[in-house]
Amino acid sequence: MYIIVGLGNPGKQYENTRHNLGFITVDRLADRHDIRITKIKHKALVGEGRISGQKVVLVKPQTFMNLSGNSVREVLEYYKEEPEHLIVVYDDIDIPAGTVRLRKKGSAGTHNGMRSIIYDIQSDQFPRLRVGIGGERKMPLDRYVLGGFTKEEKPLLEAAVDRGVGALETLLSKGIDIAMSECNVKSESGEKEKNEFSEH
């Protein structure tokens, strides 16, 4: 069984913001597999179902980003799962907008939600899917991540969310190594295309 956690902030005012791309990606995955993320438990909205033959629990912590670990720790304890079967999906300011990266494990980087999870579960040995939101910004970091998408960003991030969902499906059906090779290579080629396009 896999526990797939999307990170974000609860509340209407945060729904379509850069910092909620974890929620948005997990919602898209749920829609594609008819899973309803509606149960309220473990300080989160939770839905259970099957994807690619695997039992999954989809989780959207309702604690606000900086305390995401409280919820994730409770979920892991309740389902008696090891961190290796946790997958966290979140926005990342440190990679270009529209890029998707899948990794087996690692540090939190600059992301407070990830810092909270690693601190609370006392492990960084779990896969994570990062959706890039980096790029030029003319405002403080907090305003940028909590801001809505620009017209230019929308199609980029829509495509990134779809690629992220595909990477999660591949991970569940074929394992993380194949998912990483497909997702990260596609992501890099997309980045190159975008850079070439912007030079003309």
N, C-alpha and C. Protein backbone atom coordinates (compact mmCIF):
# COMPACT_ATOMS: atom_id res chain seq x y z
N MET A 1 0.84 -1.20 0.00
CA MET A 1 0.00 0.00 0.00
C MET A 1 0.88 1.25 0.00
N TYR A 2 0.43 2.26 -0.73
CA TYR A 2 1.15 3.54 -0.77
C TYR A 2 0.27 4.66 -0.21
N ILE A 3 0.91 5.55 0.53
CA ILE A 3 0.24 6.75 1.04
C ILE A 3 0.78 7.93 0.23
N ILE A 4 -0.10 8.56 -0.54
CA ILE A 4 0.31 9.67 -1.41
C ILE A 4 -0.24 10.96 -0.83
N VAL A 5 0.66 11.83 -0.41
CA VAL A 5 0.29 13.08 0.27
C VAL A 5 0.54 14.26 -0.64
N GLY A 6 -0.48 15.07 -0.89
CA GLY A 6 -0.31 16.33 -1.60
C GLY A 6 -0.25 17.45 -0.58
N LEU A 7 0.71 18.36 -0.73
CA LEU A 7 0.84 19.46 0.23
C LEU A 7 0.17 20.73 -0.29
N GLY A 8 -0.42 21.47 0.65
CA GLY A 8 -1.08 22.72 0.32
C GLY A 8 -1.63 23.36 1.57
N ASN A 9 -2.39 24.42 1.39
CA ASN A 9 -3.06 25.09 2.50
C ASN A 9 -4.57 24.96 2.32
N PRO A 10 -5.30 24.66 3.40
CA PRO A 10 -6.76 24.56 3.26
C PRO A 10 -7.40 25.94 3.15
N GLY A 11 -8.60 25.98 2.57
CA GLY A 11 -9.33 27.25 2.48
C GLY A 11 -9.43 27.74 1.05
N LYS A 12 -10.58 28.35 0.74
CA LYS A 12 -10.88 28.83 -0.62
C LYS A 12 -9.81 29.78 -1.15
N GLN A 13 -9.30 30.66 -0.25
CA GLN A 13 -8.38 31.70 -0.72
C GLN A 13 -7.06 31.13 -1.24
N TYR A 14 -6.75 29.86 -0.88
CA TYR A 14 -5.48 29.26 -1.32
C TYR A 14 -5.65 28.28 -2.47
N GLU A 15 -6.90 28.06 -2.92
CA GLU A 15 -7.18 26.95 -3.83
C GLU A 15 -6.31 26.92 -5.08
N ASN A 16 -6.26 28.01 -5.81
CA ASN A 16 -5.49 28.01 -7.07
C ASN A 16 -4.24 28.86 -6.94
N THR A 17 -3.40 28.47 -6.00
CA THR A 17 -2.13 29.18 -5.79
C THR A 17 -0.97 28.23 -6.04
N ARG A 18 0.20 28.81 -6.26
CA ARG A 18 1.39 28.00 -6.56
C ARG A 18 1.68 27.01 -5.44
N HIS A 19 1.49 27.45 -4.20
CA HIS A 19 1.84 26.62 -3.04
C HIS A 19 0.88 25.44 -2.87
N ASN A 20 -0.20 25.41 -3.65
CA ASN A 20 -1.18 24.32 -3.53
C ASN A 20 -1.08 23.31 -4.67
N LEU A 21 0.04 23.30 -5.38
CA LEU A 21 0.17 22.37 -6.50
C LEU A 21 0.18 20.91 -6.04
N GLY A 22 0.57 20.66 -4.80
CA GLY A 22 0.49 19.29 -4.27
C GLY A 22 -0.96 18.84 -4.17
N PHE A 23 -1.82 19.69 -3.61
CA PHE A 23 -3.26 19.40 -3.54
C PHE A 23 -3.83 19.19 -4.95
N ILE A 24 -3.49 20.11 -5.86
CA ILE A 24 -4.04 20.08 -7.22
C ILE A 24 -3.67 18.77 -7.93
N THR A 25 -2.42 18.34 -7.77
CA THR A 25 -1.95 17.11 -8.43
C THR A 25 -2.65 15.88 -7.86
N VAL A 26 -2.78 15.82 -6.53
CA VAL A 26 -3.44 14.67 -5.91
C VAL A 26 -4.93 14.66 -6.26
N ASP A 27 -5.55 15.83 -6.36
CA ASP A 27 -6.96 15.89 -6.79
C ASP A 27 -7.12 15.36 -8.21
N ARG A 28 -6.19 15.72 -9.10
CA ARG A 28 -6.25 15.25 -10.49
C ARG A 28 -6.09 13.73 -10.54
N LEU A 29 -5.17 13.20 -9.74
CA LEU A 29 -4.97 11.75 -9.66
C LEU A 29 -6.25 11.07 -9.16
N ALA A 30 -6.86 11.64 -8.13
CA ALA A 30 -8.10 11.08 -7.57
C ALA A 30 -9.22 11.08 -8.61
N ASP A 31 -9.36 12.18 -9.34
CA ASP A 31 -10.41 12.28 -10.37
C ASP A 31 -10.24 11.20 -11.43
N ARG A 32 -8.99 10.95 -11.84
CA ARG A 32 -8.74 9.96 -12.90
C ARG A 32 -9.06 8.55 -12.45
N HIS A 33 -9.07 8.31 -11.13
CA HIS A 33 -9.29 6.94 -10.64
C HIS A 33 -10.52 6.83 -9.74
N ASP A 34 -11.41 7.83 -9.86
CA ASP A 34 -12.68 7.80 -9.11
C ASP A 34 -12.49 7.58 -7.61
N ILE A 35 -11.53 8.28 -7.04
CA ILE A 35 -11.32 8.22 -5.59
C ILE A 35 -11.81 9.53 -4.99
N ARG A 36 -12.63 9.44 -3.98
CA ARG A 36 -13.16 10.64 -3.33
C ARG A 36 -12.33 10.96 -2.07
N ILE A 37 -11.71 12.14 -2.07
CA ILE A 37 -10.89 12.55 -0.91
C ILE A 37 -11.78 13.40 -0.01
N THR A 38 -12.64 12.73 0.75
CA THR A 38 -13.67 13.46 1.51
C THR A 38 -13.71 13.11 3.00
N LYS A 39 -13.08 12.01 3.39
CA LYS A 39 -13.11 11.65 4.82
C LYS A 39 -12.20 12.58 5.59
N ILE A 40 -12.67 13.03 6.75
CA ILE A 40 -11.84 13.90 7.58
C ILE A 40 -11.29 13.08 8.74
N LYS A 41 -9.99 12.80 8.71
CA LYS A 41 -9.33 12.12 9.82
C LYS A 41 -7.83 12.39 9.76
N HIS A 42 -7.17 12.23 10.90
CA HIS A 42 -5.72 12.47 11.00
C HIS A 42 -5.36 13.89 10.56
N LYS A 43 -6.22 14.86 10.91
CA LYS A 43 -6.00 16.27 10.55
C LYS A 43 -5.86 16.44 9.03
N ALA A 44 -6.60 15.63 8.27
CA ALA A 44 -6.47 15.65 6.81
C ALA A 44 -7.77 15.23 6.15
N LEU A 45 -7.87 15.54 4.86
CA LEU A 45 -8.89 14.93 4.00
C LEU A 45 -8.24 13.69 3.39
N VAL A 46 -8.95 12.57 3.46
CA VAL A 46 -8.37 11.28 3.08
C VAL A 46 -9.31 10.54 2.14
N GLY A 47 -8.75 9.84 1.15
CA GLY A 47 -9.53 8.97 0.27
C GLY A 47 -8.76 7.69 0.02
N GLU A 48 -9.47 6.58 -0.04
CA GLU A 48 -8.83 5.28 -0.27
C GLU A 48 -9.33 4.69 -1.59
N GLY A 49 -8.44 3.98 -2.29
CA GLY A 49 -8.84 3.35 -3.54
C GLY A 49 -7.72 2.50 -4.09
N ARG A 50 -7.84 2.18 -5.39
CA ARG A 50 -6.80 1.39 -6.06
C ARG A 50 -6.36 2.10 -7.33
N ILE A 51 -5.05 2.10 -7.56
CA ILE A 51 -4.48 2.66 -8.78
C ILE A 51 -3.43 1.68 -9.27
N SER A 52 -3.52 1.30 -10.53
CA SER A 52 -2.55 0.36 -11.12
C SER A 52 -2.41 -0.91 -10.28
N GLY A 53 -3.52 -1.36 -9.71
CA GLY A 53 -3.51 -2.60 -8.93
C GLY A 53 -2.99 -2.44 -7.51
N GLN A 54 -2.58 -1.24 -7.14
CA GLN A 54 -2.05 -0.99 -5.79
C GLN A 54 -3.12 -0.31 -4.93
N LYS A 55 -3.20 -0.71 -3.67
CA LYS A 55 -4.06 0.03 -2.74
C LYS A 55 -3.36 1.34 -2.41
N VAL A 56 -4.12 2.43 -2.46
CA VAL A 56 -3.54 3.74 -2.15
C VAL A 56 -4.43 4.50 -1.17
N VAL A 57 -3.78 5.34 -0.39
CA VAL A 57 -4.47 6.31 0.47
C VAL A 57 -4.00 7.69 0.01
N LEU A 58 -4.93 8.51 -0.46
CA LEU A 58 -4.61 9.87 -0.90
C LEU A 58 -4.93 10.83 0.24
N VAL A 59 -3.98 11.71 0.54
CA VAL A 59 -4.07 12.55 1.75
C VAL A 59 -3.79 14.01 1.41
N LYS A 60 -4.66 14.90 1.93
CA LYS A 60 -4.44 16.34 1.83
C LYS A 60 -4.48 16.92 3.25
N PRO A 61 -3.31 17.11 3.89
CA PRO A 61 -3.29 17.63 5.27
C PRO A 61 -4.03 18.97 5.35
N GLN A 62 -4.78 19.14 6.43
CA GLN A 62 -5.56 20.37 6.64
C GLN A 62 -4.97 21.22 7.78
N THR A 63 -3.70 21.03 8.05
CA THR A 63 -3.03 21.68 9.19
C THR A 63 -2.40 23.01 8.83
N PHE A 64 -2.44 23.40 7.57
CA PHE A 64 -1.62 24.46 6.99
C PHE A 64 -0.21 23.92 6.77
N MET A 65 0.42 24.45 5.75
CA MET A 65 1.66 23.89 5.21
C MET A 65 2.73 23.60 6.26
N ASN A 66 3.00 24.58 7.12
CA ASN A 66 4.15 24.46 8.02
C ASN A 66 3.99 23.38 9.08
N LEU A 67 2.79 22.83 9.23
CA LEU A 67 2.55 21.77 10.22
C LEU A 67 2.13 20.46 9.56
N SER A 68 2.43 20.31 8.28
CA SER A 68 2.00 19.12 7.52
C SER A 68 2.46 17.82 8.19
N GLY A 69 3.61 17.86 8.83
CA GLY A 69 4.17 16.65 9.44
C GLY A 69 3.28 16.04 10.51
N ASN A 70 2.55 16.89 11.25
CA ASN A 70 1.63 16.38 12.29
C ASN A 70 0.65 15.38 11.69
N SER A 71 0.07 15.77 10.58
CA SER A 71 -0.92 14.95 9.90
C SER A 71 -0.28 13.69 9.30
N VAL A 72 0.83 13.87 8.61
CA VAL A 72 1.49 12.75 7.93
C VAL A 72 1.94 11.70 8.94
N ARG A 73 2.46 12.13 10.06
CA ARG A 73 2.88 11.17 11.10
C ARG A 73 1.69 10.34 11.57
N GLU A 74 0.55 10.99 11.81
CA GLU A 74 -0.65 10.26 12.25
C GLU A 74 -1.11 9.24 11.21
N VAL A 75 -1.06 9.64 9.94
CA VAL A 75 -1.50 8.74 8.87
C VAL A 75 -0.59 7.51 8.80
N LEU A 76 0.72 7.73 8.83
CA LEU A 76 1.66 6.61 8.78
C LEU A 76 1.46 5.65 9.96
N GLU A 77 1.26 6.23 11.15
CA GLU A 77 1.07 5.39 12.34
C GLU A 77 -0.24 4.59 12.23
N TYR A 78 -1.29 5.23 11.77
CA TYR A 78 -2.60 4.57 11.68
C TYR A 78 -2.55 3.39 10.70
N TYR A 79 -1.93 3.60 9.53
CA TYR A 79 -1.89 2.54 8.52
C TYR A 79 -0.69 1.61 8.70
N LYS A 80 0.14 1.92 9.71
CA LYS A 80 1.33 1.08 10.01
C LYS A 80 2.22 0.91 8.77
N GLU A 81 2.47 2.01 8.09
CA GLU A 81 3.32 1.98 6.90
C GLU A 81 4.68 2.62 7.19
N GLU A 82 5.69 2.10 6.54
CA GLU A 82 7.05 2.66 6.65
C GLU A 82 7.17 3.88 5.72
N PRO A 83 8.12 4.78 6.00
CA PRO A 83 8.31 5.96 5.14
C PRO A 83 8.54 5.62 3.67
N GLU A 84 9.13 4.45 3.38
CA GLU A 84 9.39 4.08 1.98
C GLU A 84 8.11 4.00 1.16
N HIS A 85 6.96 3.81 1.83
CA HIS A 85 5.68 3.72 1.12
C HIS A 85 4.88 5.02 1.21
N LEU A 86 5.57 6.08 1.59
CA LEU A 86 4.99 7.43 1.58
C LEU A 86 5.52 8.14 0.33
N ILE A 87 4.63 8.83 -0.40
CA ILE A 87 5.04 9.67 -1.54
C ILE A 87 4.47 11.06 -1.29
N VAL A 88 5.32 12.07 -1.30
CA VAL A 88 4.86 13.44 -1.04
C VAL A 88 4.97 14.26 -2.32
N VAL A 89 3.89 14.98 -2.65
CA VAL A 89 3.82 15.80 -3.86
C VAL A 89 3.74 17.27 -3.43
N TYR A 90 4.63 18.10 -3.98
CA TYR A 90 4.63 19.50 -3.54
C TYR A 90 5.25 20.41 -4.59
N ASP A 91 5.00 21.71 -4.43
CA ASP A 91 5.57 22.74 -5.30
C ASP A 91 7.02 22.99 -4.90
N ASP A 92 7.85 23.37 -5.88
CA ASP A 92 9.26 23.63 -5.57
C ASP A 92 9.73 24.88 -6.29
N ILE A 93 10.10 25.88 -5.50
CA ILE A 93 10.58 27.17 -6.02
C ILE A 93 11.97 27.03 -6.64
N ASP A 94 12.68 25.95 -6.30
CA ASP A 94 14.07 25.80 -6.72
C ASP A 94 14.24 25.14 -8.09
N ILE A 95 13.14 24.74 -8.73
CA ILE A 95 13.24 24.22 -10.10
C ILE A 95 12.28 25.01 -11.00
N PRO A 96 12.59 25.10 -12.30
CA PRO A 96 11.81 26.00 -13.18
C PRO A 96 10.33 25.63 -13.25
N ALA A 97 9.50 26.65 -13.42
CA ALA A 97 8.05 26.43 -13.54
C ALA A 97 7.76 25.44 -14.66
N GLY A 98 6.90 24.48 -14.36
CA GLY A 98 6.51 23.49 -15.36
C GLY A 98 7.37 22.24 -15.36
N THR A 99 8.49 22.26 -14.61
CA THR A 99 9.35 21.09 -14.52
C THR A 99 8.80 20.13 -13.47
N VAL A 100 8.97 18.83 -13.70
CA VAL A 100 8.54 17.83 -12.71
C VAL A 100 9.74 16.94 -12.39
N ARG A 101 10.00 16.72 -11.13
CA ARG A 101 11.13 15.87 -10.72
C ARG A 101 10.65 14.84 -9.70
N LEU A 102 11.07 13.60 -9.91
CA LEU A 102 10.77 12.52 -8.97
C LEU A 102 12.08 12.03 -8.36
N ARG A 103 12.12 11.94 -7.03
CA ARG A 103 13.33 11.47 -6.34
C ARG A 103 12.95 10.41 -5.31
N LYS A 104 13.92 9.53 -5.01
CA LYS A 104 13.66 8.45 -4.04
C LYS A 104 13.69 8.94 -2.60
N LYS A 105 14.51 9.95 -2.34
CA LYS A 105 14.69 10.42 -0.96
C LYS A 105 15.48 11.72 -1.00
N GLY A 106 15.72 12.33 0.16
CA GLY A 106 16.56 13.53 0.18
C GLY A 106 16.08 14.56 1.18
N SER A 107 16.76 15.69 1.16
CA SER A 107 16.46 16.74 2.15
C SER A 107 15.20 17.50 1.76
N ALA A 108 14.79 18.41 2.63
CA ALA A 108 13.58 19.20 2.40
C ALA A 108 13.82 20.36 1.45
N GLY A 109 15.09 20.70 1.21
CA GLY A 109 15.38 21.91 0.44
C GLY A 109 14.85 23.12 1.21
N THR A 110 14.17 24.02 0.51
CA THR A 110 13.68 25.24 1.16
C THR A 110 12.19 25.14 1.51
N HIS A 111 11.61 23.94 1.38
CA HIS A 111 10.15 23.80 1.53
C HIS A 111 9.75 23.51 2.98
N ASN A 112 8.98 24.41 3.58
CA ASN A 112 8.61 24.26 5.00
C ASN A 112 7.71 23.06 5.26
N GLY A 113 6.83 22.73 4.32
CA GLY A 113 5.98 21.56 4.50
C GLY A 113 6.81 20.29 4.58
N MET A 114 7.81 20.19 3.71
CA MET A 114 8.70 19.03 3.73
C MET A 114 9.56 19.00 4.99
N ARG A 115 10.02 20.15 5.41
CA ARG A 115 10.79 20.21 6.67
C ARG A 115 9.97 19.66 7.82
N SER A 116 8.70 20.05 7.87
CA SER A 116 7.80 19.60 8.93
C SER A 116 7.63 18.08 8.90
N ILE A 117 7.47 17.53 7.70
CA ILE A 117 7.27 16.07 7.57
C ILE A 117 8.53 15.33 8.02
N ILE A 118 9.69 15.75 7.53
CA ILE A 118 10.94 15.06 7.87
C ILE A 118 11.18 15.13 9.38
N TYR A 119 10.88 16.28 9.97
CA TYR A 119 11.05 16.44 11.42
C TYR A 119 10.09 15.51 12.18
N ASP A 120 8.84 15.46 11.76
CA ASP A 120 7.83 14.70 12.51
C ASP A 120 7.96 13.19 12.36
N ILE A 121 8.34 12.73 11.16
CA ILE A 121 8.45 11.27 11.00
C ILE A 121 9.89 10.79 11.19
N GLN A 122 10.81 11.76 11.41
CA GLN A 122 12.21 11.44 11.68
C GLN A 122 12.84 10.60 10.57
N SER A 123 12.52 10.95 9.34
CA SER A 123 13.10 10.25 8.19
C SER A 123 12.97 11.11 6.94
N ASP A 124 13.99 11.03 6.06
CA ASP A 124 13.85 11.64 4.74
C ASP A 124 13.94 10.56 3.66
N GLN A 125 13.73 9.31 4.08
CA GLN A 125 13.88 8.15 3.17
C GLN A 125 12.55 7.80 2.52
N PHE A 126 11.98 8.77 1.82
CA PHE A 126 10.71 8.51 1.13
C PHE A 126 10.68 9.26 -0.20
N PRO A 127 9.99 8.70 -1.21
CA PRO A 127 9.92 9.35 -2.52
C PRO A 127 9.16 10.67 -2.45
N ARG A 128 9.54 11.57 -3.35
CA ARG A 128 8.82 12.84 -3.46
C ARG A 128 8.76 13.28 -4.92
N LEU A 129 7.64 13.90 -5.26
CA LEU A 129 7.41 14.43 -6.60
C LEU A 129 7.30 15.94 -6.48
N ARG A 130 8.20 16.64 -7.16
CA ARG A 130 8.24 18.11 -7.06
C ARG A 130 7.76 18.74 -8.36
N VAL A 131 6.85 19.69 -8.24
CA VAL A 131 6.35 20.43 -9.40
C VAL A 131 6.96 21.84 -9.34
N GLY A 132 7.74 22.18 -10.35
CA GLY A 132 8.48 23.44 -10.31
C GLY A 132 7.61 24.67 -10.44
N ILE A 133 7.93 25.68 -9.62
CA ILE A 133 7.25 26.99 -9.72
C ILE A 133 8.27 28.11 -9.80
N GLY A 134 9.55 27.75 -10.00
CA GLY A 134 10.61 28.76 -10.02
C GLY A 134 10.55 29.62 -11.27
N GLY A 135 11.22 30.74 -11.18
CA GLY A 135 11.24 31.66 -12.33
C GLY A 135 11.44 33.07 -11.84
N GLU A 136 11.27 34.01 -12.75
CA GLU A 136 11.43 35.42 -12.38
C GLU A 136 10.29 35.83 -11.46
N ARG A 137 10.63 36.50 -10.36
CA ARG A 137 9.57 37.03 -9.50
C ARG A 137 9.97 38.41 -9.00
N LYS A 138 8.97 39.30 -8.99
CA LYS A 138 9.24 40.68 -8.59
C LYS A 138 8.50 40.98 -7.29
N MET A 139 8.49 40.00 -6.38
CA MET A 139 7.77 40.17 -5.12
C MET A 139 8.40 39.26 -4.08
N PRO A 140 8.12 39.47 -2.78
CA PRO A 140 8.67 38.60 -1.75
C PRO A 140 8.22 37.15 -1.94
N LEU A 141 9.04 36.22 -1.45
CA LEU A 141 8.78 34.79 -1.64
C LEU A 141 7.40 34.37 -1.16
N ASP A 142 6.99 34.83 0.04
CA ASP A 142 5.70 34.38 0.58
C ASP A 142 4.54 34.82 -0.30
N ARG A 143 4.62 36.05 -0.83
CA ARG A 143 3.55 36.53 -1.72
C ARG A 143 3.56 35.77 -3.04
N TYR A 144 4.74 35.41 -3.50
CA TYR A 144 4.86 34.68 -4.77
C TYR A 144 4.24 33.28 -4.65
N VAL A 145 4.64 32.51 -3.62
CA VAL A 145 4.14 31.13 -3.52
C VAL A 145 2.65 31.08 -3.21
N LEU A 146 2.14 32.11 -2.51
CA LEU A 146 0.71 32.13 -2.18
C LEU A 146 -0.12 32.87 -3.24
N GLY A 147 0.54 33.25 -4.34
CA GLY A 147 -0.15 33.96 -5.41
C GLY A 147 -0.76 33.00 -6.42
N GLY A 148 -1.69 33.54 -7.22
CA GLY A 148 -2.32 32.75 -8.28
C GLY A 148 -1.40 32.62 -9.49
N PHE A 149 -1.82 31.83 -10.47
CA PHE A 149 -1.02 31.58 -11.66
C PHE A 149 -1.19 32.71 -12.67
N THR A 150 -0.10 33.08 -13.32
CA THR A 150 -0.19 34.06 -14.41
C THR A 150 -0.71 33.35 -15.67
N LYS A 151 -1.11 34.15 -16.65
CA LYS A 151 -1.62 33.59 -17.91
C LYS A 151 -0.55 32.71 -18.57
N GLU A 152 0.72 33.15 -18.47
CA GLU A 152 1.81 32.40 -19.10
C GLU A 152 2.07 31.08 -18.35
N GLU A 153 1.90 31.11 -17.03
CA GLU A 153 2.18 29.91 -16.21
C GLU A 153 1.12 28.82 -16.37
N LYS A 154 -0.13 29.23 -16.55
CA LYS A 154 -1.24 28.27 -16.50
C LYS A 154 -1.03 27.04 -17.37
N PRO A 155 -0.78 27.20 -18.68
CA PRO A 155 -0.60 26.00 -19.51
C PRO A 155 0.61 25.17 -19.10
N LEU A 156 1.69 25.86 -18.69
CA LEU A 156 2.90 25.15 -18.23
C LEU A 156 2.59 24.27 -17.03
N LEU A 157 1.88 24.84 -16.05
CA LEU A 157 1.61 24.12 -14.80
C LEU A 157 0.53 23.06 -15.00
N GLU A 158 -0.43 23.32 -15.89
CA GLU A 158 -1.43 22.29 -16.23
C GLU A 158 -0.73 21.05 -16.76
N ALA A 159 0.20 21.28 -17.70
CA ALA A 159 0.94 20.16 -18.30
C ALA A 159 1.80 19.47 -17.26
N ALA A 160 2.39 20.25 -16.34
CA ALA A 160 3.24 19.67 -15.30
C ALA A 160 2.41 18.78 -14.36
N VAL A 161 1.22 19.23 -14.01
CA VAL A 161 0.34 18.43 -13.14
C VAL A 161 0.00 17.11 -13.83
N ASP A 162 -0.31 17.16 -15.12
CA ASP A 162 -0.61 15.93 -15.87
C ASP A 162 0.59 14.99 -15.90
N ARG A 163 1.79 15.57 -16.11
CA ARG A 163 3.01 14.74 -16.11
C ARG A 163 3.24 14.14 -14.73
N GLY A 164 2.96 14.92 -13.69
CA GLY A 164 3.11 14.43 -12.32
C GLY A 164 2.18 13.26 -12.04
N VAL A 165 0.93 13.38 -12.49
CA VAL A 165 -0.04 12.28 -12.31
C VAL A 165 0.45 11.04 -13.04
N GLY A 166 0.94 11.22 -14.26
CA GLY A 166 1.48 10.10 -15.03
C GLY A 166 2.65 9.43 -14.33
N ALA A 167 3.52 10.25 -13.72
CA ALA A 167 4.68 9.70 -12.99
C ALA A 167 4.23 8.88 -11.78
N LEU A 168 3.21 9.35 -11.09
CA LEU A 168 2.70 8.60 -9.94
C LEU A 168 2.09 7.27 -10.38
N GLU A 169 1.36 7.31 -11.49
CA GLU A 169 0.76 6.07 -12.01
C GLU A 169 1.85 5.06 -12.42
N THR A 170 2.90 5.59 -13.05
CA THR A 170 4.01 4.70 -13.45
C THR A 170 4.72 4.13 -12.24
N LEU A 171 4.95 4.97 -11.22
CA LEU A 171 5.58 4.49 -9.99
C LEU A 171 4.79 3.32 -9.40
N LEU A 172 3.47 3.47 -9.37
CA LEU A 172 2.62 2.43 -8.77
C LEU A 172 2.57 1.16 -9.62
N SER A 173 2.69 1.32 -10.94
CA SER A 173 2.57 0.13 -11.80
C SER A 173 3.91 -0.53 -12.11
N LYS A 174 4.98 0.29 -12.23
CA LYS A 174 6.26 -0.26 -12.70
C LYS A 174 7.42 -0.03 -11.76
N GLY A 175 7.19 0.72 -10.66
CA GLY A 175 8.27 0.97 -9.71
C GLY A 175 8.90 2.33 -9.91
N ILE A 176 9.64 2.77 -8.89
CA ILE A 176 10.15 4.15 -8.89
C ILE A 176 11.28 4.36 -9.88
N ASP A 177 12.10 3.34 -10.14
CA ASP A 177 13.23 3.55 -11.06
C ASP A 177 12.75 3.87 -12.47
N ILE A 178 11.77 3.11 -12.95
CA ILE A 178 11.22 3.37 -14.29
C ILE A 178 10.50 4.72 -14.30
N ALA A 179 9.73 4.99 -13.24
CA ALA A 179 9.01 6.27 -13.15
C ALA A 179 9.98 7.45 -13.17
N MET A 180 11.10 7.33 -12.44
CA MET A 180 12.09 8.40 -12.41
C MET A 180 12.72 8.60 -13.79
N SER A 181 13.08 7.51 -14.44
CA SER A 181 13.75 7.64 -15.74
C SER A 181 12.81 8.30 -16.75
N GLU A 182 11.54 7.93 -16.72
CA GLU A 182 10.58 8.52 -17.67
C GLU A 182 10.27 9.98 -17.32
N CYS A 183 9.95 10.21 -16.06
CA CYS A 183 9.51 11.55 -15.63
C CYS A 183 10.63 12.56 -15.73
N ASN A 184 11.81 12.23 -15.22
CA ASN A 184 12.90 13.21 -15.16
C ASN A 184 13.47 13.50 -16.54
N VAL A 185 13.51 12.50 -17.43
CA VAL A 185 14.00 12.74 -18.80
C VAL A 185 13.02 13.62 -19.56
N LYS A 186 11.72 13.30 -19.47
CA LYS A 186 10.70 14.12 -20.15
C LYS A 186 10.76 15.55 -19.65
N SER A 187 10.93 15.67 -18.34
CA SER A 187 10.95 16.98 -17.71
C SER A 187 12.12 17.80 -18.24
N GLU A 188 13.29 17.16 -18.33
CA GLU A 188 14.47 17.87 -18.80
C GLU A 188 14.32 18.28 -20.26
N SER A 189 13.74 17.40 -21.11
CA SER A 189 13.57 17.76 -22.52
C SER A 189 12.60 18.92 -22.65
N GLY A 190 11.55 18.94 -21.82
CA GLY A 190 10.60 20.05 -21.82
C GLY A 190 11.26 21.35 -21.44
N GLU A 191 12.18 21.25 -20.48
CA GLU A 191 12.89 22.44 -20.02
C GLU A 191 13.76 23.00 -21.13
N LYS A 192 14.46 22.10 -21.84
CA LYS A 192 15.31 22.54 -22.94
C LYS A 192 14.49 23.22 -24.03
N GLU A 193 13.34 22.59 -24.37
CA GLU A 193 12.48 23.17 -25.40
C GLU A 193 12.05 24.57 -25.01
N LYS A 194 11.69 24.71 -23.72
CA LYS A 194 11.20 26.00 -23.24
C LYS A 194 12.31 27.05 -23.33
N ASN A 195 13.53 26.66 -22.95
CA ASN A 195 14.66 27.58 -23.00
C ASN A 195 14.98 27.99 -24.45
N GLU A 196 14.93 27.00 -25.35
CA GLU A 196 15.19 27.30 -26.76
C GLU A 196 14.13 28.26 -27.29
N PHE A 197 12.88 28.00 -26.92
CA PHE A 197 11.77 28.83 -27.38
C PHE A 197 11.96 30.26 -26.89
N SER A 198 12.40 30.43 -25.64
CA SER A 198 12.49 31.77 -25.07
C SER A 198 13.65 32.57 -25.65
N GLU A 199 14.58 31.88 -26.33
CA GLU A 199 15.73 32.60 -26.90
C GLU A 199 15.38 33.28 -28.22
N HIS A 200 14.31 32.83 -28.89
CA HIS A 200 14.00 33.38 -30.22
C HIS A 200 13.22 34.67 -30.12
